């Protein structure tokens, strides 16, 4: 007879040559639920949404995952299915740092330990009127698999293809100043965090500066 391991009592009869005995045993799931592991928290530049990716739990009876945010972490949504490990955060608030954790739960509704906190990268650009110098600042990215090896800043001037402008070590500064061309009217930029082993990347929000609109004279 099939039975659940979540919490059930199995009753059975033992028949002998001269008498009959009765017994019962309580069966439950005593194994801790295996946690998920982080992939990346990145930005989709097409939808402008924060996207969470993680590795599935090793347990075969995983029913889904809780997406948690904040400190302390609060569950904000549920993703059903062991191999459904992608979640688009339903907000366009991409200029605020969000802290995320993932919790797996199995068929017995037993929850795993939370992952470590992982965050999105927020890039800010500043420039003075009539200046070609741009100052970029961003926050550090935490808990990338194998660790963050470097930060890259990618820029596009006047809608040209993006070019990698600078590469900075992960333990270095998160502020960078650079100059744009004299004829640049539109600048777009984002940060790309690269894991130490090169297998994972996480993108920041995409920032645009329209120099013509920003420097139009005021009457």
N, C-alpha and C. Protein backbone atom coordinates (compact mmCIF):
# COMPACT_ATOMS: atom_id res chain seq x y z
N UNK A 1 0.85 -1.19 0.00
CA UNK A 1 0.00 0.00 0.00
C UNK A 1 0.89 1.24 0.00
N UNK A 2 0.61 2.18 -0.90
CA UNK A 2 1.40 3.40 -0.97
C UNK A 2 1.05 4.30 0.19
N UNK A 3 2.00 5.06 0.67
CA UNK A 3 1.76 5.95 1.79
C UNK A 3 2.70 7.14 1.68
N UNK A 4 2.32 8.23 2.27
CA UNK A 4 3.17 9.41 2.29
C UNK A 4 4.17 9.30 3.41
N UNK A 5 5.31 9.94 3.22
CA UNK A 5 6.33 9.98 4.26
C UNK A 5 6.23 11.24 5.10
N UNK A 6 5.25 12.06 4.81
CA UNK A 6 5.16 13.35 5.50
C UNK A 6 4.70 13.19 6.95
N UNK A 7 3.96 12.18 7.24
CA UNK A 7 3.47 11.97 8.60
C UNK A 7 2.26 11.05 8.55
N UNK A 8 2.48 9.75 8.73
CA UNK A 8 1.40 8.79 8.59
C UNK A 8 1.64 7.63 9.54
N UNK A 9 0.58 7.04 9.99
CA UNK A 9 0.67 5.88 10.86
C UNK A 9 0.30 4.64 10.07
N UNK A 10 1.19 3.67 10.04
CA UNK A 10 0.95 2.41 9.34
C UNK A 10 0.57 1.36 10.38
N UNK A 11 -0.60 0.78 10.23
CA UNK A 11 -1.08 -0.26 11.15
C UNK A 11 -1.06 -1.60 10.41
N UNK A 12 -0.58 -2.63 11.05
CA UNK A 12 -0.52 -3.92 10.40
C UNK A 12 -0.78 -5.03 11.42
N UNK A 13 -1.13 -6.18 10.90
CA UNK A 13 -1.46 -7.35 11.72
C UNK A 13 -0.43 -8.45 11.49
N UNK A 14 0.01 -9.04 12.57
CA UNK A 14 0.96 -10.16 12.50
C UNK A 14 0.23 -11.43 12.91
N UNK A 15 0.12 -12.35 12.02
CA UNK A 15 -0.61 -13.59 12.27
C UNK A 15 0.38 -14.75 12.49
N UNK A 16 0.22 -15.42 13.59
CA UNK A 16 1.04 -16.58 13.88
C UNK A 16 0.23 -17.86 13.81
N UNK A 17 0.85 -18.95 14.22
CA UNK A 17 0.17 -20.25 14.17
C UNK A 17 -0.97 -20.34 15.18
N UNK A 18 -0.79 -19.68 16.34
CA UNK A 18 -1.80 -19.82 17.38
C UNK A 18 -2.44 -18.51 17.82
N UNK A 19 -1.81 -17.35 17.50
CA UNK A 19 -2.39 -16.07 17.93
C UNK A 19 -2.10 -14.99 16.88
N UNK A 20 -2.73 -13.86 17.08
CA UNK A 20 -2.60 -12.72 16.16
C UNK A 20 -2.19 -11.48 16.95
N UNK A 21 -1.25 -10.73 16.41
CA UNK A 21 -0.80 -9.50 17.06
C UNK A 21 -1.04 -8.29 16.17
N UNK A 22 -1.15 -7.14 16.82
CA UNK A 22 -1.38 -5.88 16.11
C UNK A 22 -0.27 -4.90 16.47
N UNK A 23 0.12 -4.11 15.50
CA UNK A 23 1.18 -3.13 15.73
C UNK A 23 0.96 -1.91 14.84
N UNK A 24 1.62 -0.83 15.18
CA UNK A 24 1.53 0.40 14.40
C UNK A 24 2.87 1.11 14.45
N UNK A 25 3.21 1.80 13.37
CA UNK A 25 4.46 2.56 13.32
C UNK A 25 4.17 3.90 12.64
N UNK A 26 4.74 4.95 13.22
CA UNK A 26 4.56 6.29 12.66
C UNK A 26 5.73 6.59 11.72
N UNK A 27 5.40 6.96 10.50
CA UNK A 27 6.41 7.23 9.48
C UNK A 27 6.42 8.73 9.16
N UNK A 28 7.60 9.33 9.12
CA UNK A 28 7.69 10.76 8.80
C UNK A 28 8.97 11.04 8.04
N UNK A 29 9.01 12.22 7.45
CA UNK A 29 10.19 12.67 6.70
C UNK A 29 11.12 13.38 7.67
N UNK A 30 12.20 12.73 8.06
CA UNK A 30 13.13 13.31 9.03
C UNK A 30 14.38 13.89 8.38
N UNK A 31 14.47 13.78 7.06
CA UNK A 31 15.64 14.31 6.38
C UNK A 31 15.48 15.81 6.14
N UNK A 32 16.50 16.63 6.43
CA UNK A 32 16.40 18.07 6.14
C UNK A 32 16.30 18.31 4.64
N UNK A 33 15.52 19.31 4.26
CA UNK A 33 15.34 19.63 2.85
C UNK A 33 16.60 20.29 2.31
N UNK A 34 17.07 19.79 1.18
CA UNK A 34 18.29 20.33 0.58
C UNK A 34 18.04 21.73 0.02
N UNK A 35 18.88 22.71 0.34
CA UNK A 35 18.63 24.08 -0.12
C UNK A 35 18.98 24.27 -1.60
N UNK A 36 18.46 25.35 -2.15
CA UNK A 36 18.86 25.77 -3.49
C UNK A 36 20.20 26.49 -3.40
N UNK A 37 20.82 26.74 -4.54
CA UNK A 37 22.07 27.48 -4.60
C UNK A 37 21.92 28.60 -5.62
N UNK A 38 22.57 29.73 -5.34
CA UNK A 38 22.43 30.88 -6.21
C UNK A 38 23.06 30.66 -7.59
N UNK A 39 22.39 31.23 -8.57
CA UNK A 39 22.98 31.47 -9.87
C UNK A 39 23.38 32.95 -9.85
N UNK A 40 22.50 33.82 -10.38
CA UNK A 40 22.79 35.26 -10.36
C UNK A 40 21.50 36.05 -10.17
N UNK A 41 21.67 37.29 -9.74
CA UNK A 41 20.62 38.30 -9.76
C UNK A 41 21.09 39.35 -10.76
N UNK A 42 20.35 39.51 -11.84
CA UNK A 42 20.81 40.37 -12.93
C UNK A 42 19.67 41.26 -13.41
N UNK A 43 19.97 42.13 -14.35
CA UNK A 43 18.98 43.04 -14.91
C UNK A 43 18.72 42.71 -16.37
N UNK A 44 17.45 42.58 -16.72
CA UNK A 44 17.06 42.38 -18.11
C UNK A 44 16.89 43.77 -18.73
N UNK A 45 17.78 44.14 -19.64
CA UNK A 45 17.74 45.48 -20.21
C UNK A 45 16.61 45.68 -21.21
N UNK A 46 15.94 44.61 -21.60
CA UNK A 46 14.79 44.73 -22.49
C UNK A 46 13.52 45.04 -21.72
N UNK A 47 13.29 44.30 -20.64
CA UNK A 47 12.08 44.50 -19.83
C UNK A 47 12.32 45.45 -18.66
N UNK A 48 13.59 45.77 -18.36
CA UNK A 48 13.96 46.62 -17.23
C UNK A 48 13.49 46.01 -15.91
N UNK A 49 13.51 44.69 -15.83
CA UNK A 49 13.17 44.00 -14.60
C UNK A 49 14.38 43.28 -14.03
N UNK A 50 14.38 43.14 -12.71
CA UNK A 50 15.42 42.35 -12.04
C UNK A 50 15.05 40.88 -12.18
N UNK A 51 16.00 40.07 -12.60
CA UNK A 51 15.75 38.65 -12.84
C UNK A 51 16.62 37.83 -11.88
N UNK A 52 15.99 36.87 -11.18
CA UNK A 52 16.67 35.98 -10.26
C UNK A 52 16.82 34.61 -10.91
N UNK A 53 18.02 34.03 -10.81
CA UNK A 53 18.27 32.69 -11.31
C UNK A 53 19.00 31.90 -10.22
N UNK A 54 18.60 30.65 -10.01
CA UNK A 54 19.26 29.83 -9.00
C UNK A 54 19.34 28.38 -9.47
N UNK A 55 20.16 27.59 -8.76
CA UNK A 55 20.32 26.17 -9.06
C UNK A 55 19.29 25.37 -8.26
N UNK A 56 18.67 24.34 -8.84
CA UNK A 56 17.63 23.59 -8.12
C UNK A 56 18.18 22.82 -6.94
N UNK A 57 17.31 22.56 -5.99
CA UNK A 57 17.66 21.71 -4.85
C UNK A 57 17.94 20.29 -5.34
N UNK A 58 18.79 19.58 -4.62
CA UNK A 58 19.13 18.21 -5.00
C UNK A 58 18.03 17.21 -4.66
N UNK A 59 17.08 17.57 -3.79
CA UNK A 59 16.01 16.65 -3.41
C UNK A 59 15.07 16.42 -4.59
N UNK A 60 14.62 15.17 -4.75
CA UNK A 60 13.76 14.83 -5.88
C UNK A 60 12.29 15.16 -5.65
N UNK A 61 11.90 15.46 -4.39
CA UNK A 61 10.48 15.74 -4.12
C UNK A 61 10.23 17.22 -3.87
N UNK A 62 11.08 18.08 -4.42
CA UNK A 62 10.89 19.52 -4.25
C UNK A 62 9.65 19.97 -5.02
N UNK A 63 8.79 20.70 -4.35
CA UNK A 63 7.57 21.21 -4.97
C UNK A 63 7.71 22.64 -5.46
N UNK A 64 8.67 23.38 -4.91
CA UNK A 64 8.83 24.75 -5.36
C UNK A 64 9.77 25.53 -4.47
N UNK A 65 9.73 26.86 -4.66
CA UNK A 65 10.65 27.75 -3.96
C UNK A 65 9.92 29.00 -3.50
N UNK A 66 10.33 29.50 -2.36
CA UNK A 66 9.87 30.79 -1.88
C UNK A 66 10.91 31.84 -2.24
N UNK A 67 10.46 32.93 -2.85
CA UNK A 67 11.34 34.07 -3.14
C UNK A 67 11.18 35.05 -1.99
N UNK A 68 12.29 35.36 -1.34
CA UNK A 68 12.26 36.23 -0.16
C UNK A 68 13.06 37.49 -0.43
N UNK A 69 12.64 38.59 0.21
CA UNK A 69 13.31 39.87 0.02
C UNK A 69 13.40 40.60 1.35
N UNK A 70 14.45 41.42 1.48
CA UNK A 70 14.57 42.31 2.63
C UNK A 70 15.37 41.72 3.77
N UNK A 71 15.52 42.54 4.82
CA UNK A 71 16.20 42.13 6.05
C UNK A 71 15.37 42.62 7.23
N UNK A 72 14.71 41.73 7.98
CA UNK A 72 14.71 40.27 7.79
C UNK A 72 13.97 39.86 6.52
N UNK A 73 14.29 38.67 6.02
CA UNK A 73 13.72 38.21 4.76
C UNK A 73 12.26 37.83 4.91
N UNK A 74 11.44 38.34 4.00
CA UNK A 74 10.02 38.04 3.97
C UNK A 74 9.68 37.44 2.61
N UNK A 75 8.86 36.38 2.62
CA UNK A 75 8.45 35.74 1.37
C UNK A 75 7.56 36.69 0.57
N UNK A 76 7.89 36.90 -0.70
CA UNK A 76 7.11 37.79 -1.55
C UNK A 76 6.40 37.05 -2.67
N UNK A 77 6.84 35.81 -2.96
CA UNK A 77 6.20 35.06 -4.05
C UNK A 77 6.63 33.60 -3.96
N UNK A 78 5.89 32.75 -4.69
CA UNK A 78 6.17 31.32 -4.73
C UNK A 78 6.36 30.88 -6.17
N UNK A 79 7.39 30.10 -6.42
CA UNK A 79 7.64 29.52 -7.74
C UNK A 79 7.48 28.01 -7.60
N UNK A 80 6.51 27.42 -8.30
CA UNK A 80 6.24 25.99 -8.18
C UNK A 80 7.02 25.21 -9.23
N UNK A 81 7.50 24.03 -8.83
CA UNK A 81 8.25 23.17 -9.73
C UNK A 81 9.72 23.12 -9.35
N UNK A 82 10.26 21.92 -9.27
CA UNK A 82 11.66 21.76 -8.85
C UNK A 82 12.63 22.46 -9.79
N UNK A 83 12.36 22.40 -11.08
CA UNK A 83 13.29 22.95 -12.06
C UNK A 83 12.87 24.32 -12.58
N UNK A 84 11.87 24.93 -11.98
CA UNK A 84 11.51 26.31 -12.31
C UNK A 84 12.37 27.23 -11.44
N UNK A 85 13.49 27.63 -11.96
CA UNK A 85 14.49 28.36 -11.17
C UNK A 85 14.79 29.74 -11.75
N UNK A 86 13.75 30.37 -12.31
CA UNK A 86 13.89 31.71 -12.88
C UNK A 86 12.71 32.55 -12.39
N UNK A 87 13.00 33.77 -11.95
CA UNK A 87 11.94 34.62 -11.42
C UNK A 87 12.22 36.07 -11.80
N UNK A 88 11.22 36.73 -12.40
CA UNK A 88 11.32 38.15 -12.73
C UNK A 88 10.65 38.95 -11.63
N UNK A 89 11.43 39.78 -10.96
CA UNK A 89 10.91 40.58 -9.86
C UNK A 89 9.93 41.62 -10.41
N UNK A 90 8.68 41.63 -9.94
CA UNK A 90 7.64 42.46 -10.55
C UNK A 90 7.71 43.94 -10.14
N UNK A 91 8.78 44.61 -10.53
CA UNK A 91 8.91 46.03 -10.27
C UNK A 91 9.89 46.62 -11.25
N UNK A 92 9.76 47.90 -11.52
CA UNK A 92 10.73 48.59 -12.36
C UNK A 92 11.60 49.50 -11.50
N UNK A 93 11.61 49.26 -10.20
CA UNK A 93 12.43 50.03 -9.28
C UNK A 93 13.86 49.49 -9.34
N UNK A 94 14.55 49.83 -10.42
CA UNK A 94 15.88 49.27 -10.65
C UNK A 94 16.99 50.15 -10.09
N UNK A 95 16.65 51.28 -9.47
CA UNK A 95 17.68 52.16 -8.91
C UNK A 95 17.74 52.04 -7.40
N UNK A 96 17.21 50.95 -6.86
CA UNK A 96 17.33 50.66 -5.44
C UNK A 96 17.90 49.26 -5.28
N UNK A 97 18.79 49.09 -4.31
CA UNK A 97 19.41 47.78 -4.07
C UNK A 97 18.43 46.90 -3.31
N UNK A 98 18.12 45.74 -3.88
CA UNK A 98 17.21 44.77 -3.26
C UNK A 98 18.03 43.57 -2.80
N UNK A 99 17.69 43.04 -1.62
CA UNK A 99 18.35 41.86 -1.08
C UNK A 99 17.42 40.66 -1.21
N UNK A 100 17.87 39.59 -1.86
CA UNK A 100 17.03 38.42 -2.12
C UNK A 100 17.61 37.17 -1.47
N UNK A 101 16.70 36.25 -1.11
CA UNK A 101 17.06 34.91 -0.67
C UNK A 101 16.05 33.93 -1.25
N UNK A 102 16.47 32.66 -1.40
CA UNK A 102 15.61 31.62 -1.94
C UNK A 102 15.49 30.49 -0.91
N UNK A 103 14.27 29.96 -0.78
CA UNK A 103 14.01 28.85 0.15
C UNK A 103 13.27 27.76 -0.61
N UNK A 104 13.79 26.53 -0.59
CA UNK A 104 13.13 25.39 -1.24
C UNK A 104 12.18 24.72 -0.25
N UNK A 105 11.08 24.16 -0.77
CA UNK A 105 10.18 23.37 0.08
C UNK A 105 9.79 22.09 -0.65
N UNK A 106 9.63 21.00 0.11
CA UNK A 106 9.37 19.70 -0.50
C UNK A 106 7.91 19.32 -0.43
N UNK A 107 7.60 18.06 -0.80
CA UNK A 107 6.21 17.59 -0.85
C UNK A 107 5.56 17.54 0.52
N UNK A 108 6.37 17.55 1.58
CA UNK A 108 5.84 17.57 2.95
C UNK A 108 5.73 18.99 3.48
N UNK A 109 5.98 19.97 2.60
CA UNK A 109 5.95 21.38 2.98
C UNK A 109 7.02 21.71 4.01
N UNK A 110 8.09 20.95 3.99
CA UNK A 110 9.23 21.23 4.86
C UNK A 110 10.19 22.15 4.10
N UNK A 111 10.57 23.24 4.75
CA UNK A 111 11.39 24.25 4.10
C UNK A 111 12.87 24.00 4.34
N UNK A 112 13.66 24.38 3.36
CA UNK A 112 15.12 24.29 3.49
C UNK A 112 15.65 25.53 4.19
N UNK A 113 16.94 25.53 4.43
CA UNK A 113 17.59 26.75 4.90
C UNK A 113 17.58 27.78 3.77
N UNK A 114 17.57 29.06 4.14
CA UNK A 114 17.63 30.12 3.15
C UNK A 114 19.02 30.20 2.53
N UNK A 115 19.08 30.60 1.28
CA UNK A 115 20.38 30.92 0.69
C UNK A 115 20.93 32.18 1.35
N UNK A 116 22.20 32.45 1.11
CA UNK A 116 22.75 33.73 1.53
C UNK A 116 22.10 34.85 0.72
N UNK A 117 22.17 36.08 1.21
CA UNK A 117 21.58 37.19 0.49
C UNK A 117 22.36 37.49 -0.78
N UNK A 118 21.61 37.74 -1.83
CA UNK A 118 22.19 38.15 -3.11
C UNK A 118 21.46 39.40 -3.57
N UNK A 119 22.15 40.32 -4.22
CA UNK A 119 21.58 41.64 -4.52
C UNK A 119 21.77 42.01 -5.98
N UNK A 120 20.97 42.95 -6.42
CA UNK A 120 21.16 43.54 -7.74
C UNK A 120 22.21 44.65 -7.66
N UNK A 121 22.75 45.02 -8.82
CA UNK A 121 23.73 46.10 -8.90
C UNK A 121 23.03 47.36 -9.40
N UNK A 122 23.25 48.46 -8.70
CA UNK A 122 22.67 49.74 -9.10
C UNK A 122 23.80 50.69 -9.52
N UNK A 123 23.73 51.18 -10.74
CA UNK A 123 24.72 52.12 -11.28
C UNK A 123 24.14 53.53 -11.28
N UNK A 124 24.96 54.48 -10.87
CA UNK A 124 24.60 55.90 -10.92
C UNK A 124 25.67 56.64 -11.72
N UNK A 125 25.24 57.57 -12.59
CA UNK A 125 26.15 58.40 -13.36
C UNK A 125 25.93 59.86 -13.01
N UNK A 126 27.03 60.58 -12.86
CA UNK A 126 26.96 62.01 -12.56
C UNK A 126 27.89 62.77 -13.49
N UNK A 127 27.45 63.95 -13.88
CA UNK A 127 28.32 64.83 -14.67
C UNK A 127 27.91 66.28 -14.42
N UNK A 128 28.87 67.17 -14.59
CA UNK A 128 28.58 68.59 -14.44
C UNK A 128 28.22 69.18 -15.79
N UNK A 129 27.41 70.21 -15.78
CA UNK A 129 27.00 70.83 -17.03
C UNK A 129 28.22 71.28 -17.81
N UNK A 130 28.16 71.05 -19.14
CA UNK A 130 29.22 71.44 -20.07
C UNK A 130 30.54 70.73 -19.79
N UNK A 131 30.49 69.59 -19.11
CA UNK A 131 31.70 68.82 -18.82
C UNK A 131 31.65 67.49 -19.55
N UNK A 132 32.82 67.04 -20.01
CA UNK A 132 32.92 65.75 -20.68
C UNK A 132 33.26 64.62 -19.70
N UNK A 133 33.44 64.96 -18.43
CA UNK A 133 33.83 63.97 -17.43
C UNK A 133 32.60 63.36 -16.77
N UNK A 134 32.56 62.04 -16.73
CA UNK A 134 31.46 61.29 -16.12
C UNK A 134 32.01 60.54 -14.91
N UNK A 135 31.27 60.55 -13.82
CA UNK A 135 31.62 59.77 -12.64
C UNK A 135 30.59 58.68 -12.44
N UNK A 136 31.05 57.44 -12.46
CA UNK A 136 30.17 56.28 -12.28
C UNK A 136 30.41 55.69 -10.90
N UNK A 137 29.32 55.38 -10.20
CA UNK A 137 29.41 54.70 -8.90
C UNK A 137 28.39 53.56 -8.89
N UNK A 138 28.75 52.48 -8.17
CA UNK A 138 27.84 51.34 -8.08
C UNK A 138 28.11 50.61 -6.77
N UNK A 139 27.19 49.73 -6.38
CA UNK A 139 27.34 48.93 -5.16
C UNK A 139 27.97 47.58 -5.49
N UNK A 140 28.54 46.96 -4.48
CA UNK A 140 29.16 45.65 -4.67
C UNK A 140 28.10 44.56 -4.77
N UNK A 141 28.47 43.50 -5.48
CA UNK A 141 27.60 42.34 -5.66
C UNK A 141 28.10 41.23 -4.73
N UNK A 142 27.16 40.56 -4.03
CA UNK A 142 27.55 39.55 -3.05
C UNK A 142 26.98 38.17 -3.41
N UNK A 143 27.77 37.14 -3.04
CA UNK A 143 27.36 35.73 -3.11
C UNK A 143 27.14 35.23 -4.54
N UNK A 144 27.99 35.66 -5.44
CA UNK A 144 28.02 35.05 -6.76
C UNK A 144 28.81 33.73 -6.66
N UNK A 145 28.36 32.66 -7.33
CA UNK A 145 29.12 31.42 -7.31
C UNK A 145 30.58 31.65 -7.72
N UNK A 146 31.49 31.14 -6.95
CA UNK A 146 32.94 31.27 -7.10
C UNK A 146 33.43 32.68 -6.78
N UNK A 147 32.52 33.60 -6.43
CA UNK A 147 32.92 34.96 -6.06
C UNK A 147 33.03 35.87 -7.27
N UNK A 148 32.97 37.18 -7.01
CA UNK A 148 33.12 38.17 -8.09
C UNK A 148 34.60 38.36 -8.37
N UNK A 149 34.97 38.21 -9.62
CA UNK A 149 36.36 38.40 -10.01
C UNK A 149 36.66 39.82 -10.44
N UNK A 150 35.71 40.47 -11.13
CA UNK A 150 35.95 41.83 -11.62
C UNK A 150 34.62 42.50 -11.94
N UNK A 151 34.70 43.83 -12.04
CA UNK A 151 33.59 44.64 -12.52
C UNK A 151 34.01 45.29 -13.83
N UNK A 152 33.13 45.23 -14.82
CA UNK A 152 33.38 45.87 -16.11
C UNK A 152 32.36 46.96 -16.33
N UNK A 153 32.77 48.08 -16.88
CA UNK A 153 31.82 49.12 -17.25
C UNK A 153 31.75 49.18 -18.77
N UNK A 154 30.53 49.05 -19.29
CA UNK A 154 30.27 49.06 -20.72
C UNK A 154 29.51 50.33 -21.07
N UNK A 155 29.92 51.00 -22.15
CA UNK A 155 29.30 52.27 -22.54
C UNK A 155 29.02 52.30 -24.03
N UNK A 156 28.04 53.13 -24.37
CA UNK A 156 27.69 53.39 -25.76
C UNK A 156 27.51 54.89 -25.93
N UNK A 157 28.21 55.49 -26.90
CA UNK A 157 28.08 56.92 -27.18
C UNK A 157 27.34 57.09 -28.51
N UNK A 158 26.31 57.94 -28.48
CA UNK A 158 25.54 58.25 -29.69
C UNK A 158 24.99 57.00 -30.36
N UNK A 159 24.51 56.05 -29.54
CA UNK A 159 23.85 54.83 -30.00
C UNK A 159 24.75 53.90 -30.79
N UNK A 160 26.05 54.05 -30.62
CA UNK A 160 27.00 53.11 -31.21
C UNK A 160 26.97 51.81 -30.40
N UNK A 161 27.52 50.71 -30.95
CA UNK A 161 27.56 49.45 -30.18
C UNK A 161 28.30 49.64 -28.84
N UNK A 162 27.88 48.87 -27.85
CA UNK A 162 28.51 48.96 -26.54
C UNK A 162 29.96 48.49 -26.60
N UNK A 163 30.81 49.20 -25.87
CA UNK A 163 32.22 48.86 -25.77
C UNK A 163 32.59 48.72 -24.30
N UNK A 164 33.45 47.76 -24.00
CA UNK A 164 33.94 47.64 -22.63
C UNK A 164 34.99 48.72 -22.40
N UNK A 165 34.67 49.64 -21.50
CA UNK A 165 35.55 50.80 -21.29
C UNK A 165 36.64 50.52 -20.27
N UNK A 166 36.27 49.86 -19.16
CA UNK A 166 37.23 49.60 -18.09
C UNK A 166 36.92 48.29 -17.40
N UNK A 167 37.96 47.68 -16.82
CA UNK A 167 37.82 46.50 -15.98
C UNK A 167 38.46 46.81 -14.64
N UNK A 168 37.70 46.61 -13.56
CA UNK A 168 38.21 46.89 -12.23
C UNK A 168 38.18 45.63 -11.38
N UNK A 169 39.19 45.41 -10.52
CA UNK A 169 39.18 44.23 -9.65
C UNK A 169 38.04 44.30 -8.66
N UNK A 170 37.56 43.13 -8.25
CA UNK A 170 36.40 43.07 -7.36
C UNK A 170 36.65 43.73 -6.01
N UNK A 171 37.91 43.69 -5.54
CA UNK A 171 38.23 44.27 -4.24
C UNK A 171 38.71 45.71 -4.35
N UNK A 172 38.58 46.31 -5.53
CA UNK A 172 39.01 47.69 -5.74
C UNK A 172 37.88 48.68 -5.54
N UNK A 173 38.05 49.85 -6.11
CA UNK A 173 37.07 50.93 -5.97
C UNK A 173 35.81 50.63 -6.78
N UNK A 174 34.69 51.14 -6.31
CA UNK A 174 33.42 51.05 -7.06
C UNK A 174 33.03 52.43 -7.58
N UNK A 175 34.02 53.25 -7.82
CA UNK A 175 33.83 54.58 -8.42
C UNK A 175 34.83 54.74 -9.55
N UNK A 176 34.38 55.27 -10.67
CA UNK A 176 35.25 55.44 -11.82
C UNK A 176 34.87 56.72 -12.55
N UNK A 177 35.89 57.52 -12.92
CA UNK A 177 35.67 58.72 -13.72
C UNK A 177 36.28 58.51 -15.11
N UNK A 178 35.56 58.97 -16.13
CA UNK A 178 36.05 58.84 -17.50
C UNK A 178 35.49 59.98 -18.33
N UNK A 179 36.09 60.20 -19.50
CA UNK A 179 35.66 61.27 -20.39
C UNK A 179 34.95 60.71 -21.61
N UNK A 180 33.94 61.40 -22.06
CA UNK A 180 33.26 61.05 -23.30
C UNK A 180 33.75 61.96 -24.41
N UNK A 181 33.46 61.60 -25.65
CA UNK A 181 33.90 62.39 -26.80
C UNK A 181 33.21 63.75 -26.81
N UNK A 182 33.87 64.73 -27.43
CA UNK A 182 33.31 66.08 -27.49
C UNK A 182 31.94 66.08 -28.16
N UNK A 183 31.77 65.26 -29.18
CA UNK A 183 30.51 65.24 -29.92
C UNK A 183 29.46 64.30 -29.36
N UNK A 184 29.68 63.76 -28.18
CA UNK A 184 28.72 62.80 -27.60
C UNK A 184 27.47 63.54 -27.12
N UNK A 185 26.32 63.13 -27.60
CA UNK A 185 25.06 63.73 -27.16
C UNK A 185 24.24 62.79 -26.28
N UNK A 186 24.45 61.47 -26.44
CA UNK A 186 23.75 60.48 -25.61
C UNK A 186 24.75 59.43 -25.14
N UNK A 187 24.76 59.19 -23.84
CA UNK A 187 25.63 58.17 -23.27
C UNK A 187 24.77 57.12 -22.56
N UNK A 188 25.05 55.86 -22.83
CA UNK A 188 24.40 54.77 -22.11
C UNK A 188 25.48 53.90 -21.48
N UNK A 189 25.20 53.40 -20.28
CA UNK A 189 26.22 52.64 -19.56
C UNK A 189 25.58 51.63 -18.63
N UNK A 190 26.32 50.55 -18.35
CA UNK A 190 25.92 49.57 -17.35
C UNK A 190 27.17 48.89 -16.80
N UNK A 191 27.01 48.25 -15.64
CA UNK A 191 28.09 47.50 -15.00
C UNK A 191 27.84 46.01 -15.23
N UNK A 192 28.92 45.29 -15.43
CA UNK A 192 28.86 43.83 -15.61
C UNK A 192 29.80 43.19 -14.59
N UNK A 193 29.22 42.46 -13.62
CA UNK A 193 30.02 41.72 -12.64
C UNK A 193 30.31 40.34 -13.21
N UNK A 194 31.57 39.93 -13.17
CA UNK A 194 32.00 38.65 -13.74
C UNK A 194 32.54 37.78 -12.61
N UNK A 195 32.10 36.53 -12.56
CA UNK A 195 32.57 35.62 -11.50
C UNK A 195 34.05 35.30 -11.70
N UNK A 196 34.68 34.82 -10.63
CA UNK A 196 36.11 34.51 -10.67
C UNK A 196 36.43 33.47 -11.74
N UNK A 197 35.55 32.47 -11.89
CA UNK A 197 35.81 31.42 -12.88
C UNK A 197 35.28 31.78 -14.27
N UNK A 198 34.67 32.96 -14.40
CA UNK A 198 34.20 33.42 -15.69
C UNK A 198 32.91 32.80 -16.18
N UNK A 199 32.24 31.99 -15.35
CA UNK A 199 31.05 31.27 -15.80
C UNK A 199 29.75 32.04 -15.57
N UNK A 200 29.79 33.06 -14.71
CA UNK A 200 28.58 33.79 -14.36
C UNK A 200 28.78 35.29 -14.56
N UNK A 201 27.72 35.97 -15.01
CA UNK A 201 27.76 37.43 -15.12
C UNK A 201 26.45 38.00 -14.60
N UNK A 202 26.53 39.18 -14.02
CA UNK A 202 25.34 39.88 -13.53
C UNK A 202 25.41 41.32 -14.02
N UNK A 203 24.31 41.80 -14.58
CA UNK A 203 24.27 43.16 -15.13
C UNK A 203 23.56 44.11 -14.18
N UNK A 204 24.00 45.36 -14.21
CA UNK A 204 23.32 46.41 -13.45
C UNK A 204 22.18 46.99 -14.28
N UNK A 205 21.52 47.99 -13.71
CA UNK A 205 20.55 48.76 -14.48
C UNK A 205 21.25 49.52 -15.60
N UNK A 206 20.50 49.88 -16.61
CA UNK A 206 21.03 50.63 -17.75
C UNK A 206 20.74 52.11 -17.52
N UNK A 207 21.77 52.95 -17.58
CA UNK A 207 21.63 54.38 -17.31
C UNK A 207 21.89 55.16 -18.59
N UNK A 208 21.06 56.17 -18.84
CA UNK A 208 21.19 57.01 -20.03
C UNK A 208 21.34 58.46 -19.61
N UNK A 209 22.30 59.17 -20.23
CA UNK A 209 22.45 60.62 -20.06
C UNK A 209 22.26 61.27 -21.43
N UNK A 210 21.30 62.17 -21.51
CA UNK A 210 21.05 62.93 -22.74
C UNK A 210 21.67 64.31 -22.53
N UNK A 211 22.85 64.53 -23.10
CA UNK A 211 23.57 65.77 -22.86
C UNK A 211 22.86 66.97 -23.47
N UNK A 212 22.23 66.80 -24.61
CA UNK A 212 21.53 67.93 -25.24
C UNK A 212 20.39 68.42 -24.36
N UNK A 213 19.61 67.49 -23.80
CA UNK A 213 18.50 67.88 -22.94
C UNK A 213 19.00 68.42 -21.61
N UNK A 214 20.08 67.81 -21.08
CA UNK A 214 20.58 68.23 -19.77
C UNK A 214 21.23 69.61 -19.82
N UNK A 215 21.79 69.99 -20.99
CA UNK A 215 22.54 71.23 -21.06
C UNK A 215 21.81 72.31 -21.86
N UNK A 216 20.52 72.11 -22.13
CA UNK A 216 19.77 73.13 -22.85
C UNK A 216 19.67 74.39 -21.99
N UNK A 217 19.97 75.55 -22.52
CA UNK A 217 19.94 76.77 -21.70
C UNK A 217 18.55 77.04 -21.15
N UNK A 218 18.52 77.59 -19.95
CA UNK A 218 17.28 77.97 -19.29
C UNK A 218 17.14 79.49 -19.36
N UNK A 219 15.91 79.94 -19.59
CA UNK A 219 15.68 81.40 -19.69
C UNK A 219 15.19 81.91 -18.35
